[in-house]
Amino acid sequence: LNIELCREDIRDVYHELFDDAQERFNAKQTRNDRHIDNYYEKICSSKQEKPFHEIVLQIGNKDDTGIHTELAETAKQCLIEYANGFQARNPTLRVFWSHLHMDEATPHVHIDFVPYITGSKRSMDTRVSLKQALAQLGFKGGTRSATEWNQWAQSEKQVLAEIMQEHGIMLYKLGYDFTKIKVIILCQQTMKRKPLKVSLRVRVGRGRLQARKRTAAFILK
């Protein structure tokens, strides 16, 4: 029932992204205690950055797009299209794990990624940084509510909304702030208006891949 869209070992991804930068950094150090032996382990124990982040997206609920409803297949196709385009839209968020779950009440997709930047003047020139990774994508922090993360999340929600429209689910925005959008869908097959919720839940990895903690929830409803 589940569909594996991407699966890589996070340690292999860290080697791919950071080994060269780690070697360049260590070559410049004159003190052995400043050498980085394992960048993945260093980030796992960091209090500032997390080794990876995860988002979970779901369209509707068990009544709207549940596995046994008419819209289940449409929701599935929307989520697959969204997930397949995620890496191209977000080149500084390196995806290593992406799965569509169809074995629970409602279709939803998990996307795990490592946020990183290049050209850094501090520490390693290529390093983990969610804030700067989003900034390199064009999302600059503004007011307290318009953080890089909130701006990015809003942009990703809009991408999913456009995909839904292309699949015949018409969205009507009734008002929004940076964390919530009220929408109504018009299902073209039945021409019946009903509310639809699009959820974007966010988790981060601390320490090890298996240790996941939800830190925020962004819901369109």
Protein backbone atom coordinates (compact mmCIF):
# COMPACT_ATOMS: atom_id res chain seq x y z
CA LEU A 1 0.00 0.00 0.00
CA ASN A 2 2.82 2.42 0.79
CA ILE A 3 4.91 3.92 -1.99
CA GLU A 4 8.63 4.54 -1.55
CA LEU A 5 9.60 7.65 -3.50
CA CYS A 6 13.13 8.09 -2.15
CA ARG A 7 15.28 6.16 0.29
CA GLU A 8 18.93 6.84 1.12
CA ASP A 9 21.00 6.39 4.25
CA ILE A 10 21.39 9.76 5.94
CA ARG A 11 25.05 9.03 6.69
CA ASP A 12 25.75 8.52 3.00
CA VAL A 13 24.07 11.85 2.27
CA TYR A 14 26.25 13.55 4.89
CA HIS A 15 29.36 12.08 3.26
CA GLU A 16 28.16 13.31 -0.13
CA LEU A 17 27.41 16.84 1.07
CA PHE A 18 30.08 17.54 3.67
CA ASP A 19 33.19 15.35 3.34
CA ASP A 20 35.04 17.75 1.05
CA ALA A 21 34.14 20.75 3.19
CA GLN A 22 35.20 18.88 6.32
CA GLU A 23 38.57 18.09 4.75
CA ARG A 24 39.08 21.74 3.74
CA PHE A 25 38.14 22.92 7.22
CA ASN A 26 40.46 20.49 8.98
CA ALA A 27 43.37 21.41 6.70
CA LYS A 28 43.19 25.01 7.97
CA GLN A 29 43.23 24.13 11.67
CA THR A 30 46.40 24.42 13.71
CA ARG A 31 44.88 22.89 16.84
CA ASN A 32 43.86 19.26 16.93
CA ASP A 33 40.93 19.97 19.23
CA ARG A 34 39.28 22.01 16.45
CA HIS A 35 39.34 19.13 13.96
CA ILE A 36 36.00 17.61 12.98
CA ASP A 37 36.23 13.83 12.85
CA ASN A 38 32.62 13.05 11.98
CA TYR A 39 30.33 15.88 10.90
CA TYR A 40 27.16 13.79 11.21
CA GLU A 41 27.94 12.95 14.83
CA LYS A 42 28.81 16.58 15.50
CA ILE A 43 25.42 17.78 14.24
CA CYS A 44 23.61 15.01 16.12
CA SER A 45 24.98 16.42 19.37
CA SER A 46 24.50 20.07 18.37
CA LYS A 47 22.14 22.30 20.36
CA GLN A 48 21.73 24.71 17.44
CA GLU A 49 21.07 22.51 14.42
CA LYS A 50 19.32 19.19 13.82
CA PRO A 51 20.66 16.44 11.54
CA PHE A 52 17.46 16.40 9.48
CA HIS A 53 13.91 17.75 9.30
CA GLU A 54 10.70 16.01 8.29
CA ILE A 55 7.44 17.34 6.91
CA VAL A 56 4.23 15.35 6.72
CA LEU A 57 1.54 16.48 4.29
CA GLN A 58 -2.05 15.36 4.22
CA ILE A 59 -4.99 16.53 2.14
CA GLY A 60 -8.34 16.42 3.87
CA ASN A 61 -9.27 13.86 6.51
CA LYS A 62 -10.77 10.38 6.66
CA ASP A 63 -14.18 11.78 5.68
CA ASP A 64 -12.92 13.91 2.75
CA THR A 65 -10.10 11.89 1.23
CA GLY A 66 -9.96 8.75 3.36
CA ILE A 67 -8.64 5.56 1.83
CA HIS A 68 -12.14 4.36 0.95
CA THR A 69 -13.50 7.68 -0.42
CA GLU A 70 -13.86 8.84 -4.03
CA LEU A 71 -11.12 11.44 -3.61
CA ALA A 72 -8.52 9.09 -2.14
CA GLU A 73 -6.84 8.38 -5.49
CA THR A 74 -6.86 12.07 -6.41
CA ALA A 75 -5.26 12.98 -3.09
CA LYS A 76 -2.66 10.27 -3.65
CA GLN A 77 -1.72 11.62 -7.09
CA CYS A 78 -1.52 15.19 -5.76
CA LEU A 79 0.83 14.16 -2.96
CA ILE A 80 3.05 12.12 -5.29
CA GLU A 81 3.35 15.03 -7.70
CA TYR A 82 4.14 17.40 -4.85
CA ALA A 83 6.80 15.09 -3.40
CA ASN A 84 8.41 14.40 -6.78
CA GLY A 85 8.89 18.12 -7.35
CA PHE A 86 10.13 18.94 -3.86
CA GLN A 87 13.86 18.55 -4.52
CA ALA A 88 13.83 20.69 -7.69
CA ARG A 89 11.97 23.45 -5.85
CA ASN A 90 14.23 23.24 -2.81
CA PRO A 91 17.80 22.48 -3.89
CA THR A 92 19.23 23.41 -0.47
CA LEU A 93 16.98 20.88 1.28
CA ARG A 94 18.56 17.54 0.38
CA VAL A 95 15.85 14.87 0.40
CA PHE A 96 16.95 11.42 1.54
CA TRP A 97 13.66 9.79 2.57
CA SER A 98 10.22 10.20 1.02
CA HIS A 99 7.25 7.85 1.43
CA LEU A 100 3.57 7.99 0.62
CA HIS A 101 1.49 6.21 3.25
CA MET A 102 -1.73 4.56 2.13
CA ASP A 103 -2.04 2.14 5.06
CA GLU A 104 -3.72 4.55 7.46
CA ALA A 105 -7.02 6.43 7.44
CA THR A 106 -5.95 9.19 5.02
CA PRO A 107 -3.20 9.36 2.35
CA HIS A 108 -0.21 11.38 3.52
CA VAL A 109 3.40 11.81 2.51
CA HIS A 110 6.56 12.00 4.65
CA ILE A 111 9.57 13.93 3.33
CA ASP A 112 12.85 13.94 5.27
CA PHE A 113 15.61 16.33 4.27
CA VAL A 114 18.97 17.79 5.32
CA PRO A 115 19.08 21.61 5.05
CA TYR A 116 22.51 22.87 4.00
CA ILE A 117 24.31 25.89 2.61
CA THR A 118 27.42 26.45 0.54
CA GLY A 119 29.83 29.38 0.57
CA SER A 120 29.65 29.87 4.31
CA LYS A 121 32.26 32.14 5.89
CA ARG A 122 31.82 30.54 9.31
CA SER A 123 33.06 27.08 10.26
CA MET A 124 32.85 24.69 7.27
CA ASP A 125 32.10 26.36 3.94
CA THR A 126 29.35 23.78 3.33
CA ARG A 127 27.37 23.08 6.48
CA VAL A 128 23.96 22.35 7.98
CA SER A 129 21.74 25.38 8.54
CA LEU A 130 17.95 25.47 8.16
CA LYS A 131 17.68 29.25 8.47
CA GLN A 132 20.38 29.93 5.89
CA ALA A 133 19.21 27.15 3.58
CA LEU A 134 15.79 28.80 3.41
CA ALA A 135 17.43 32.21 2.95
CA GLN A 136 19.36 30.87 -0.05
CA LEU A 137 15.99 29.82 -1.48
CA GLY A 138 14.88 33.46 -1.22
CA PHE A 139 12.98 33.41 2.07
CA LYS A 140 14.29 36.25 4.21
CA GLY A 141 13.12 36.78 7.77
CA GLY A 142 10.91 39.79 8.34
CA THR A 143 8.45 40.33 11.15
CA ARG A 144 8.10 37.96 14.06
CA SER A 145 5.43 35.98 12.23
CA ALA A 146 7.04 36.23 8.78
CA THR A 147 10.05 34.07 9.58
CA GLU A 148 11.98 32.22 6.90
CA TRP A 149 10.20 29.05 7.92
CA ASN A 150 6.69 30.54 7.83
CA GLN A 151 7.31 32.09 4.42
CA TRP A 152 8.66 28.83 3.04
CA ALA A 153 5.79 26.80 4.52
CA GLN A 154 3.28 29.18 2.98
CA SER A 155 4.99 28.86 -0.40
CA GLU A 156 4.90 25.05 -0.23
CA LYS A 157 1.22 25.09 0.71
CA GLN A 158 0.54 27.20 -2.35
CA VAL A 159 2.40 24.70 -4.54
CA LEU A 160 0.22 21.89 -3.22
CA ALA A 161 -2.92 24.00 -3.69
CA GLU A 162 -2.03 24.58 -7.36
CA ILE A 163 -1.42 20.85 -7.87
CA MET A 164 -4.80 20.11 -6.33
CA GLN A 165 -6.46 22.56 -8.71
CA GLU A 166 -4.79 20.86 -11.68
CA HIS A 167 -6.33 17.59 -10.51
CA GLY A 168 -9.82 19.03 -10.44
CA ILE A 169 -10.02 20.16 -6.82
CA MET A 170 -10.93 23.83 -6.89
CA LEU A 171 -9.78 25.87 -3.90
CA TYR A 172 -11.53 28.92 -2.53
CA LYS A 173 -9.50 30.84 0.05
CA LEU A 174 -11.65 32.37 2.75
CA GLY A 175 -8.83 34.11 4.62
CA TYR A 176 -5.46 33.22 6.06
CA ASP A 177 -2.47 34.13 8.16
CA PHE A 178 1.00 32.57 7.99
CA THR A 179 -0.01 29.35 9.71
CA LYS A 180 -3.62 28.83 8.63
CA ILE A 181 -5.63 29.16 5.44
CA LYS A 182 -9.34 28.50 5.25
CA VAL A 183 -10.29 26.79 2.02
CA ILE A 184 -13.34 25.28 0.38
CA ILE A 185 -13.03 22.66 -2.33
CA LEU A 186 -15.38 22.15 -5.20
CA CYS A 187 -15.11 18.59 -6.44
CA GLN A 188 -15.70 18.77 -10.18
CA GLN A 189 -16.92 15.18 -10.33
CA THR A 190 -19.83 15.82 -7.97
CA MET A 191 -19.98 19.64 -8.04
CA LYS A 192 -20.53 19.47 -4.31
CA ARG A 193 -18.99 22.11 -2.05
CA LYS A 194 -17.41 20.92 1.14
CA PRO A 195 -14.54 22.02 3.40
CA LEU A 196 -11.13 20.46 2.92
CA LYS A 197 -8.16 20.66 5.23
CA VAL A 198 -4.58 20.50 4.01
CA SER A 199 -2.15 19.72 6.78
CA LEU A 200 1.60 20.35 6.86
CA ARG A 201 3.12 18.90 10.01
CA VAL A 202 6.79 19.38 10.73
CA ARG A 203 9.15 17.19 12.69
CA VAL A 204 12.89 17.44 13.26
CA GLY A 205 15.43 14.74 13.92
CA ARG A 206 17.61 15.06 16.99
CA GLY A 207 20.46 12.70 17.65
CA ARG A 208 19.46 9.74 15.50
CA LEU A 209 17.17 9.18 12.56
CA GLN A 210 14.79 7.14 14.69
CA ALA A 211 14.41 9.94 17.27
CA ARG A 212 11.78 12.27 15.86
CA LYS A 213 9.98 15.10 17.60
CA ARG A 214 7.14 17.17 16.22
CA THR A 215 7.97 20.84 16.69
CA ALA A 216 5.29 22.68 14.76
CA ALA A 217 2.02 22.21 12.97
CA PHE A 218 0.80 24.23 10.02
CA ILE A 219 -2.75 23.50 8.98
CA LEU A 220 -4.85 24.84 6.14
CA LYS A 221 -8.45 24.65 7.17
